[in-house]
Amino acid sequence: VGAAESSHTHNASTDLTGTLPIAKGGTGATEAATALSNLNGMSKLVTYYGGSQIDKLDTATDGSMMVAVTSANNAGLYAVIGGNFAYVYQFFYASVSGTANRMQIAHGDRNNKMATRYYKDGAWSAWELIYTGATITSGTTAPTSALANDAQVQVYDA
């Protein structure tokens, strides 16, 4: 009949040409960056936004970025974690675009402060501090309002 045996092999360097689609076990690409994007992967290398691109944090679609953080650029993040630079990790819901719902986690490059914010229905939330390397202190003053059962409170030195 001329058909190949049910169990056989191919030499990938000589028998295969073109791009192997994802549906057939490939990446659908010939370049690493495109393959990573096709497979919804996130690069281990950050994209640096400086110079004229310094304020791209609101519209960038990269999974990991390094951005300048000053009182003039990315001011909301600067107010929460301080200045210089921050690593920002971004996670999208459903699709990847500058208008898609997503969340960002930022970490100061020279401090142990972390903050987060989210983008939903066309608007960004404010940055909120979620961690600082400051020493936890204990206090003797009771809270001014009742806490829910099993609530935990941590106080950080500023």
C-alpha atoms as a PDB file:
ATOM      1  CA  VAL A   1       0.000   0.000   0.000  1.00  0.00           C
ATOM      2  CA  GLY A   2       2.983   2.292   0.546  1.00  0.00           C
ATOM      3  CA  ALA A   3       1.854   3.527   3.974  1.00  0.00           C
ATOM      4  CA  ALA A   4       4.356   3.930   6.774  1.00  0.00           C
ATOM      5  CA  GLU A   5       4.380   1.388   9.554  1.00  0.00           C
ATOM      6  CA  SER A   6       2.295   2.356  12.582  1.00  0.00           C
ATOM      7  CA  SER A   7       5.492   2.705  14.650  1.00  0.00           C
ATOM      8  CA  HIS A   8       8.234   4.718  12.940  1.00  0.00           C
ATOM      9  CA  THR A   9      10.466   7.763  13.477  1.00  0.00           C
ATOM     10  CA  HIS A  10      11.411  10.952  11.665  1.00  0.00           C
ATOM     11  CA  ASN A  11      14.683  12.854  11.742  1.00  0.00           C
ATOM     12  CA  ALA A  12      13.662  16.365  12.862  1.00  0.00           C
ATOM     13  CA  SER A  13      16.736  17.976  11.282  1.00  0.00           C
ATOM     14  CA  THR A  14      16.068  16.589   7.791  1.00  0.00           C
ATOM     15  CA  ASP A  15      12.466  15.318   7.581  1.00  0.00           C
ATOM     16  CA  LEU A  16      10.527  18.243   9.070  1.00  0.00           C
ATOM     17  CA  THR A  17      10.227  21.736   7.601  1.00  0.00           C
ATOM     18  CA  GLY A  18       8.193  24.788   8.548  1.00  0.00           C
ATOM     19  CA  THR A  19       6.564  25.560  11.853  1.00  0.00           C
ATOM     20  CA  LEU A  20       4.986  22.819  13.924  1.00  0.00           C
ATOM     21  CA  PRO A  21       1.570  24.027  15.154  1.00  0.00           C
ATOM     22  CA  ILE A  22       0.607  23.897  18.826  1.00  0.00           C
ATOM     23  CA  ALA A  23      -2.131  21.365  18.009  1.00  0.00           C
ATOM     24  CA  LYS A  24       0.571  18.954  16.820  1.00  0.00           C
ATOM     25  CA  GLY A  25       2.818  19.456  19.866  1.00  0.00           C
ATOM     26  CA  GLY A  26       4.856  22.408  18.562  1.00  0.00           C
ATOM     27  CA  THR A  27       5.042  26.068  19.518  1.00  0.00           C
ATOM     28  CA  GLY A  28       3.550  27.567  16.372  1.00  0.00           C
ATOM     29  CA  ALA A  29       6.644  29.737  15.974  1.00  0.00           C
ATOM     30  CA  THR A  30      10.215  29.838  14.750  1.00  0.00           C
ATOM     31  CA  GLU A  31      11.411  32.478  17.239  1.00  0.00           C
ATOM     32  CA  ALA A  32      11.631  31.988  21.017  1.00  0.00           C
ATOM     33  CA  ALA A  33       9.760  35.196  21.928  1.00  0.00           C
ATOM     34  CA  THR A  34       6.853  34.313  19.622  1.00  0.00           C
ATOM     35  CA  ALA A  35       6.763  30.732  20.926  1.00  0.00           C
ATOM     36  CA  LEU A  36       6.642  32.027  24.513  1.00  0.00           C
ATOM     37  CA  SER A  37       3.760  34.337  23.626  1.00  0.00           C
ATOM     38  CA  ASN A  38       1.893  31.590  21.722  1.00  0.00           C
ATOM     39  CA  LEU A  39       2.121  29.319  24.758  1.00  0.00           C
ATOM     40  CA  ASN A  40       1.107  32.122  27.174  1.00  0.00           C
ATOM     41  CA  GLY A  41       4.496  31.907  28.873  1.00  0.00           C
ATOM     42  CA  MET A  42       6.290  34.627  30.826  1.00  0.00           C
ATOM     43  CA  SER A  43       9.901  35.525  30.123  1.00  0.00           C
ATOM     44  CA  LYS A  44      12.457  35.285  32.907  1.00  0.00           C
ATOM     45  CA  LEU A  45      13.924  38.556  31.628  1.00  0.00           C
ATOM     46  CA  VAL A  46      12.161  41.790  32.476  1.00  0.00           C
ATOM     47  CA  THR A  47      11.250  44.403  29.901  1.00  0.00           C
ATOM     48  CA  TYR A  48      12.813  47.716  30.952  1.00  0.00           C
ATOM     49  CA  TYR A  49      10.688  50.814  30.562  1.00  0.00           C
ATOM     50  CA  GLY A  50      12.836  53.918  30.781  1.00  0.00           C
ATOM     51  CA  GLY A  51      13.380  57.075  28.783  1.00  0.00           C
ATOM     52  CA  SER A  52      10.329  57.946  26.677  1.00  0.00           C
ATOM     53  CA  GLN A  53       8.544  54.740  27.747  1.00  0.00           C
ATOM     54  CA  ILE A  54       8.820  55.423  31.468  1.00  0.00           C
ATOM     55  CA  ASP A  55       5.053  55.717  32.080  1.00  0.00           C
ATOM     56  CA  LYS A  56       3.964  52.586  30.185  1.00  0.00           C
ATOM     57  CA  LEU A  57       3.058  50.690  33.347  1.00  0.00           C
ATOM     58  CA  ASP A  58      -0.684  51.288  32.847  1.00  0.00           C
ATOM     59  CA  THR A  59      -0.796  49.934  29.272  1.00  0.00           C
ATOM     60  CA  ALA A  60       2.094  47.438  29.008  1.00  0.00           C
ATOM     61  CA  THR A  61       1.254  43.824  28.215  1.00  0.00           C
ATOM     62  CA  ASP A  62       4.533  42.297  29.417  1.00  0.00           C
ATOM     63  CA  GLY A  63       4.465  39.713  32.189  1.00  0.00           C
ATOM     64  CA  SER A  64       7.504  41.151  33.954  1.00  0.00           C
ATOM     65  CA  MET A  65       8.840  44.689  33.801  1.00  0.00           C
ATOM     66  CA  MET A  66      11.335  47.033  35.421  1.00  0.00           C
ATOM     67  CA  VAL A  67      10.134  50.613  35.670  1.00  0.00           C
ATOM     68  CA  ALA A  68      11.493  53.881  37.006  1.00  0.00           C
ATOM     69  CA  VAL A  69       9.627  54.958  40.147  1.00  0.00           C
ATOM     70  CA  THR A  70       9.871  58.632  41.096  1.00  0.00           C
ATOM     71  CA  SER A  71       7.521  61.343  42.330  1.00  0.00           C
ATOM     72  CA  ALA A  72       7.148  62.431  38.669  1.00  0.00           C
ATOM     73  CA  ASN A  73       6.906  58.987  37.021  1.00  0.00           C
ATOM     74  CA  ASN A  74       4.652  56.219  38.325  1.00  0.00           C
ATOM     75  CA  ALA A  75       3.859  58.524  41.236  1.00  0.00           C
ATOM     76  CA  GLY A  76       1.172  56.287  42.755  1.00  0.00           C
ATOM     77  CA  LEU A  77       3.640  53.425  43.113  1.00  0.00           C
ATOM     78  CA  TYR A  78       6.338  55.821  44.357  1.00  0.00           C
ATOM     79  CA  ALA A  79       4.032  56.986  47.167  1.00  0.00           C
ATOM     80  CA  VAL A  80       3.685  53.391  48.399  1.00  0.00           C
ATOM     81  CA  ILE A  81       7.118  51.774  47.956  1.00  0.00           C
ATOM     82  CA  GLY A  82       9.522  54.671  47.495  1.00  0.00           C
ATOM     83  CA  GLY A  83      11.764  55.650  44.668  1.00  0.00           C
ATOM     84  CA  ASN A  84      14.288  54.438  42.144  1.00  0.00           C
ATOM     85  CA  PHE A  85      13.113  51.313  40.291  1.00  0.00           C
ATOM     86  CA  ALA A  86      10.573  48.542  40.769  1.00  0.00           C
ATOM     87  CA  TYR A  87      10.102  45.078  39.345  1.00  0.00           C
ATOM     88  CA  VAL A  88       6.470  44.642  38.303  1.00  0.00           C
ATOM     89  CA  TYR A  89       4.835  41.290  37.595  1.00  0.00           C
ATOM     90  CA  GLN A  90       1.552  41.322  35.718  1.00  0.00           C
ATOM     91  CA  PHE A  91      -1.142  38.650  35.464  1.00  0.00           C
ATOM     92  CA  PHE A  92      -3.991  38.841  32.943  1.00  0.00           C
ATOM     93  CA  TYR A  93      -7.470  37.394  33.095  1.00  0.00           C
ATOM     94  CA  ALA A  94      -8.917  35.790  29.937  1.00  0.00           C
ATOM     95  CA  SER A  95      -6.864  37.773  27.378  1.00  0.00           C
ATOM     96  CA  VAL A  96      -3.683  39.833  27.087  1.00  0.00           C
ATOM     97  CA  SER A  97      -4.162  43.443  26.003  1.00  0.00           C
ATOM     98  CA  GLY A  98      -3.721  46.975  27.306  1.00  0.00           C
ATOM     99  CA  THR A  99      -7.430  47.065  28.176  1.00  0.00           C
ATOM    100  CA  ALA A 100      -7.858  43.557  29.652  1.00  0.00           C
ATOM    101  CA  ASN A 101      -8.592  42.955  33.338  1.00  0.00           C
ATOM    102  CA  ARG A 102      -5.361  42.183  35.188  1.00  0.00           C
ATOM    103  CA  MET A 103      -3.377  42.651  38.385  1.00  0.00           C
ATOM    104  CA  GLN A 104       0.155  43.825  39.096  1.00  0.00           C
ATOM    105  CA  ILE A 105       2.553  43.104  41.936  1.00  0.00           C
ATOM    106  CA  ALA A 106       5.477  45.515  42.371  1.00  0.00           C
ATOM    107  CA  HIS A 107       8.670  45.019  44.386  1.00  0.00           C
ATOM    108  CA  GLY A 108      11.155  47.820  45.034  1.00  0.00           C
ATOM    109  CA  ASP A 109      14.556  46.995  43.550  1.00  0.00           C
ATOM    110  CA  ARG A 110      16.433  48.336  46.611  1.00  0.00           C
ATOM    111  CA  ASN A 111      13.988  47.739  49.441  1.00  0.00           C
ATOM    112  CA  ASN A 112      11.711  45.004  50.733  1.00  0.00           C
ATOM    113  CA  LYS A 113       8.444  46.745  49.996  1.00  0.00           C
ATOM    114  CA  MET A 114       5.766  45.118  47.853  1.00  0.00           C
ATOM    115  CA  ALA A 115       2.524  46.586  46.569  1.00  0.00           C
ATOM    116  CA  THR A 116      -0.350  45.419  44.416  1.00  0.00           C
ATOM    117  CA  ARG A 117      -3.141  46.900  42.309  1.00  0.00           C
ATOM    118  CA  TYR A 118      -5.702  45.685  39.807  1.00  0.00           C
ATOM    119  CA  TYR A 119      -7.324  46.866  36.559  1.00  0.00           C
ATOM    120  CA  LYS A 120     -11.017  46.075  36.133  1.00  0.00           C
ATOM    121  CA  ASP A 121     -13.676  47.471  33.830  1.00  0.00           C
ATOM    122  CA  GLY A 122     -11.418  50.212  32.481  1.00  0.00           C
ATOM    123  CA  ALA A 123      -9.976  51.582  35.724  1.00  0.00           C
ATOM    124  CA  TRP A 124      -6.912  50.958  37.892  1.00  0.00           C
ATOM    125  CA  SER A 125      -7.227  50.622  41.659  1.00  0.00           C
ATOM    126  CA  ALA A 126      -4.778  52.515  43.865  1.00  0.00           C
ATOM    127  CA  TRP A 127      -1.495  50.812  44.757  1.00  0.00           C
ATOM    128  CA  GLU A 128      -1.658  49.175  48.190  1.00  0.00           C
ATOM    129  CA  LEU A 129       1.327  48.140  50.297  1.00  0.00           C
ATOM    130  CA  ILE A 130       1.181  44.405  50.995  1.00  0.00           C
ATOM    131  CA  TYR A 131       4.604  43.849  52.538  1.00  0.00           C
ATOM    132  CA  THR A 132       7.469  45.772  54.013  1.00  0.00           C
ATOM    133  CA  GLY A 133      10.722  44.510  55.501  1.00  0.00           C
ATOM    134  CA  ALA A 134      10.262  46.809  58.513  1.00  0.00           C
ATOM    135  CA  THR A 135      10.326  45.280  61.975  1.00  0.00           C
ATOM    136  CA  ILE A 136       7.004  44.123  63.377  1.00  0.00           C
ATOM    137  CA  THR A 137       6.299  45.810  66.701  1.00  0.00           C
ATOM    138  CA  SER A 138       3.828  44.948  69.403  1.00  0.00           C
ATOM    139  CA  GLY A 139       1.679  47.559  71.006  1.00  0.00           C
ATOM    140  CA  THR A 140      -0.391  47.961  74.143  1.00  0.00           C
ATOM    141  CA  THR A 141      -3.103  50.217  72.747  1.00  0.00           C
ATOM    142  CA  ALA A 142      -6.364  48.416  72.013  1.00  0.00           C
ATOM    143  CA  PRO A 143      -7.980  48.918  68.608  1.00  0.00           C
ATOM    144  CA  THR A 144     -10.731  51.520  68.478  1.00  0.00           C
ATOM    145  CA  SER A 145     -13.182  49.137  66.809  1.00  0.00           C
ATOM    146  CA  ALA A 146     -14.049  45.488  67.267  1.00  0.00           C
ATOM    147  CA  LEU A 147     -12.263  42.907  65.093  1.00  0.00           C
ATOM    148  CA  ALA A 148     -13.864  39.827  63.580  1.00  0.00           C
ATOM    149  CA  ASN A 149     -13.181  36.491  65.252  1.00  0.00           C
ATOM    150  CA  ASP A 150      -9.708  35.172  64.408  1.00  0.00           C
ATOM    151  CA  ALA A 151      -8.663  38.498  62.821  1.00  0.00           C
ATOM    152  CA  GLN A 152      -4.929  39.195  62.840  1.00  0.00           C
ATOM    153  CA  VAL A 153      -3.310  42.598  62.971  1.00  0.00           C
ATOM    154  CA  GLN A 154       0.305  43.361  62.114  1.00  0.00           C
ATOM    155  CA  VAL A 155       1.885  46.726  62.788  1.00  0.00           C
ATOM    156  CA  TYR A 156       5.053  47.800  60.974  1.00  0.00           C
ATOM    157  CA  ASP A 157       7.501  50.522  61.890  1.00  0.00           C
ATOM    158  CA  ALA A 158       7.437  53.243  59.268  1.00  0.00           C
END
